[in-house]
Amino acid sequence: MIGEIDIYGVFLPAVLILMLVSYLLCLVVTRVFARVGLYRFVWHRSIFDLAIYVIVLGIVVIVSHRLLP
């Protein structure tokens, strides 16, 4: 995995792109959890959402590392 991604001459850290992808996926996951009613069983929603974000970010990093040579 390279350290930077060039987007029209602007160098962005690869971690920033992965974090944005994870945030978008996390939005989808939290909406599904809210629709299903999972948050009724959660004590502190903000901490739970942070934990879900960290888990999704880890999955995105692992998948991107395996897809890129």
C-alpha atoms as a PDB file:
ATOM      1  CA  MET A   1       0.000   0.000   0.000  1.00  0.00           C
ATOM      2  CA  ILE A   2       1.393   3.378  -0.942  1.00  0.00           C
ATOM      3  CA  GLY A   3       1.453   6.239   1.532  1.00  0.00           C
ATOM      4  CA  GLU A   4      -0.186   8.859  -0.688  1.00  0.00           C
ATOM      5  CA  ILE A   5      -2.795   9.014  -3.430  1.00  0.00           C
ATOM      6  CA  ASP A   6      -2.557  11.625  -6.177  1.00  0.00           C
ATOM      7  CA  ILE A   7      -5.908  13.201  -7.109  1.00  0.00           C
ATOM      8  CA  TYR A   8      -5.373  15.820  -9.822  1.00  0.00           C
ATOM      9  CA  GLY A   9      -2.098  16.976  -8.337  1.00  0.00           C
ATOM     10  CA  VAL A  10      -3.259  16.952  -4.723  1.00  0.00           C
ATOM     11  CA  PHE A  11      -1.560  14.330  -2.598  1.00  0.00           C
ATOM     12  CA  LEU A  12      -3.835  12.798   0.014  1.00  0.00           C
ATOM     13  CA  PRO A  13      -2.784  10.267   2.636  1.00  0.00           C
ATOM     14  CA  ALA A  14      -4.133   6.805   1.886  1.00  0.00           C
ATOM     15  CA  VAL A  15      -5.416   6.565   5.442  1.00  0.00           C
ATOM     16  CA  LEU A  16      -7.642   9.609   4.832  1.00  0.00           C
ATOM     17  CA  ILE A  17      -9.291   7.915   1.861  1.00  0.00           C
ATOM     18  CA  LEU A  18      -9.765   4.722   3.867  1.00  0.00           C
ATOM     19  CA  MET A  19     -11.267   6.708   6.742  1.00  0.00           C
ATOM     20  CA  LEU A  20     -13.752   8.411   4.409  1.00  0.00           C
ATOM     21  CA  VAL A  21     -14.806   5.072   2.931  1.00  0.00           C
ATOM     22  CA  SER A  22     -15.182   3.667   6.438  1.00  0.00           C
ATOM     23  CA  TYR A  23     -17.276   6.647   7.507  1.00  0.00           C
ATOM     24  CA  LEU A  24     -19.662   6.158   4.597  1.00  0.00           C
ATOM     25  CA  LEU A  25     -19.971   2.449   5.335  1.00  0.00           C
ATOM     26  CA  CYS A  26     -20.482   3.227   9.016  1.00  0.00           C
ATOM     27  CA  LEU A  27     -23.366   5.559   8.148  1.00  0.00           C
ATOM     28  CA  VAL A  28     -25.057   2.703   6.327  1.00  0.00           C
ATOM     29  CA  VAL A  29     -24.430   0.269   9.188  1.00  0.00           C
ATOM     30  CA  THR A  30     -25.769   2.654  11.846  1.00  0.00           C
ATOM     31  CA  ARG A  31     -28.920   3.317   9.828  1.00  0.00           C
ATOM     32  CA  VAL A  32     -29.496  -0.415   9.504  1.00  0.00           C
ATOM     33  CA  PHE A  33     -28.968  -0.840  13.253  1.00  0.00           C
ATOM     34  CA  ALA A  34     -31.411   1.983  13.973  1.00  0.00           C
ATOM     35  CA  ARG A  35     -34.033   0.532  11.645  1.00  0.00           C
ATOM     36  CA  VAL A  36     -33.688  -2.947  13.124  1.00  0.00           C
ATOM     37  CA  GLY A  37     -33.906  -1.557  16.660  1.00  0.00           C
ATOM     38  CA  LEU A  38     -30.523  -2.709  17.903  1.00  0.00           C
ATOM     39  CA  TYR A  39     -29.903   0.547  19.759  1.00  0.00           C
ATOM     40  CA  ARG A  40     -32.518  -0.429  22.354  1.00  0.00           C
ATOM     41  CA  PHE A  41     -29.963  -2.859  23.773  1.00  0.00           C
ATOM     42  CA  VAL A  42     -27.006  -0.447  23.701  1.00  0.00           C
ATOM     43  CA  TRP A  43     -26.067   1.442  26.853  1.00  0.00           C
ATOM     44  CA  HIS A  44     -24.119   4.326  25.288  1.00  0.00           C
ATOM     45  CA  ARG A  45     -24.853   4.927  21.617  1.00  0.00           C
ATOM     46  CA  SER A  46     -21.878   7.233  20.953  1.00  0.00           C
ATOM     47  CA  ILE A  47     -19.341   4.762  22.292  1.00  0.00           C
ATOM     48  CA  PHE A  48     -21.042   1.956  20.384  1.00  0.00           C
ATOM     49  CA  ASP A  49     -20.935   3.984  17.150  1.00  0.00           C
ATOM     50  CA  LEU A  50     -17.236   4.715  17.708  1.00  0.00           C
ATOM     51  CA  ALA A  51     -16.555   1.010  18.212  1.00  0.00           C
ATOM     52  CA  ILE A  52     -18.468   0.165  15.036  1.00  0.00           C
ATOM     53  CA  TYR A  53     -16.443   2.788  13.141  1.00  0.00           C
ATOM     54  CA  VAL A  54     -13.142   1.350  14.381  1.00  0.00           C
ATOM     55  CA  ILE A  55     -14.229  -2.159  13.403  1.00  0.00           C
ATOM     56  CA  VAL A  56     -15.340  -1.019   9.934  1.00  0.00           C
ATOM     57  CA  LEU A  57     -12.086   0.925   9.488  1.00  0.00           C
ATOM     58  CA  GLY A  58     -10.084  -2.177  10.389  1.00  0.00           C
ATOM     59  CA  ILE A  59     -12.026  -4.259   7.881  1.00  0.00           C
ATOM     60  CA  VAL A  60     -11.546  -1.648   5.141  1.00  0.00           C
ATOM     61  CA  VAL A  61      -7.796  -1.450   5.827  1.00  0.00           C
ATOM     62  CA  ILE A  62      -7.429  -5.233   5.731  1.00  0.00           C
ATOM     63  CA  VAL A  63      -9.453  -5.540   2.517  1.00  0.00           C
ATOM     64  CA  SER A  64      -7.540  -2.734   0.810  1.00  0.00           C
ATOM     65  CA  HIS A  65      -4.229  -4.229   1.887  1.00  0.00           C
ATOM     66  CA  ARG A  66      -5.190  -7.597   0.395  1.00  0.00           C
ATOM     67  CA  LEU A  67      -6.505  -6.083  -2.860  1.00  0.00           C
ATOM     68  CA  LEU A  68      -3.539  -3.816  -3.541  1.00  0.00           C
ATOM     69  CA  PRO A  69      -0.170  -5.488  -4.213  1.00  0.00           C
END
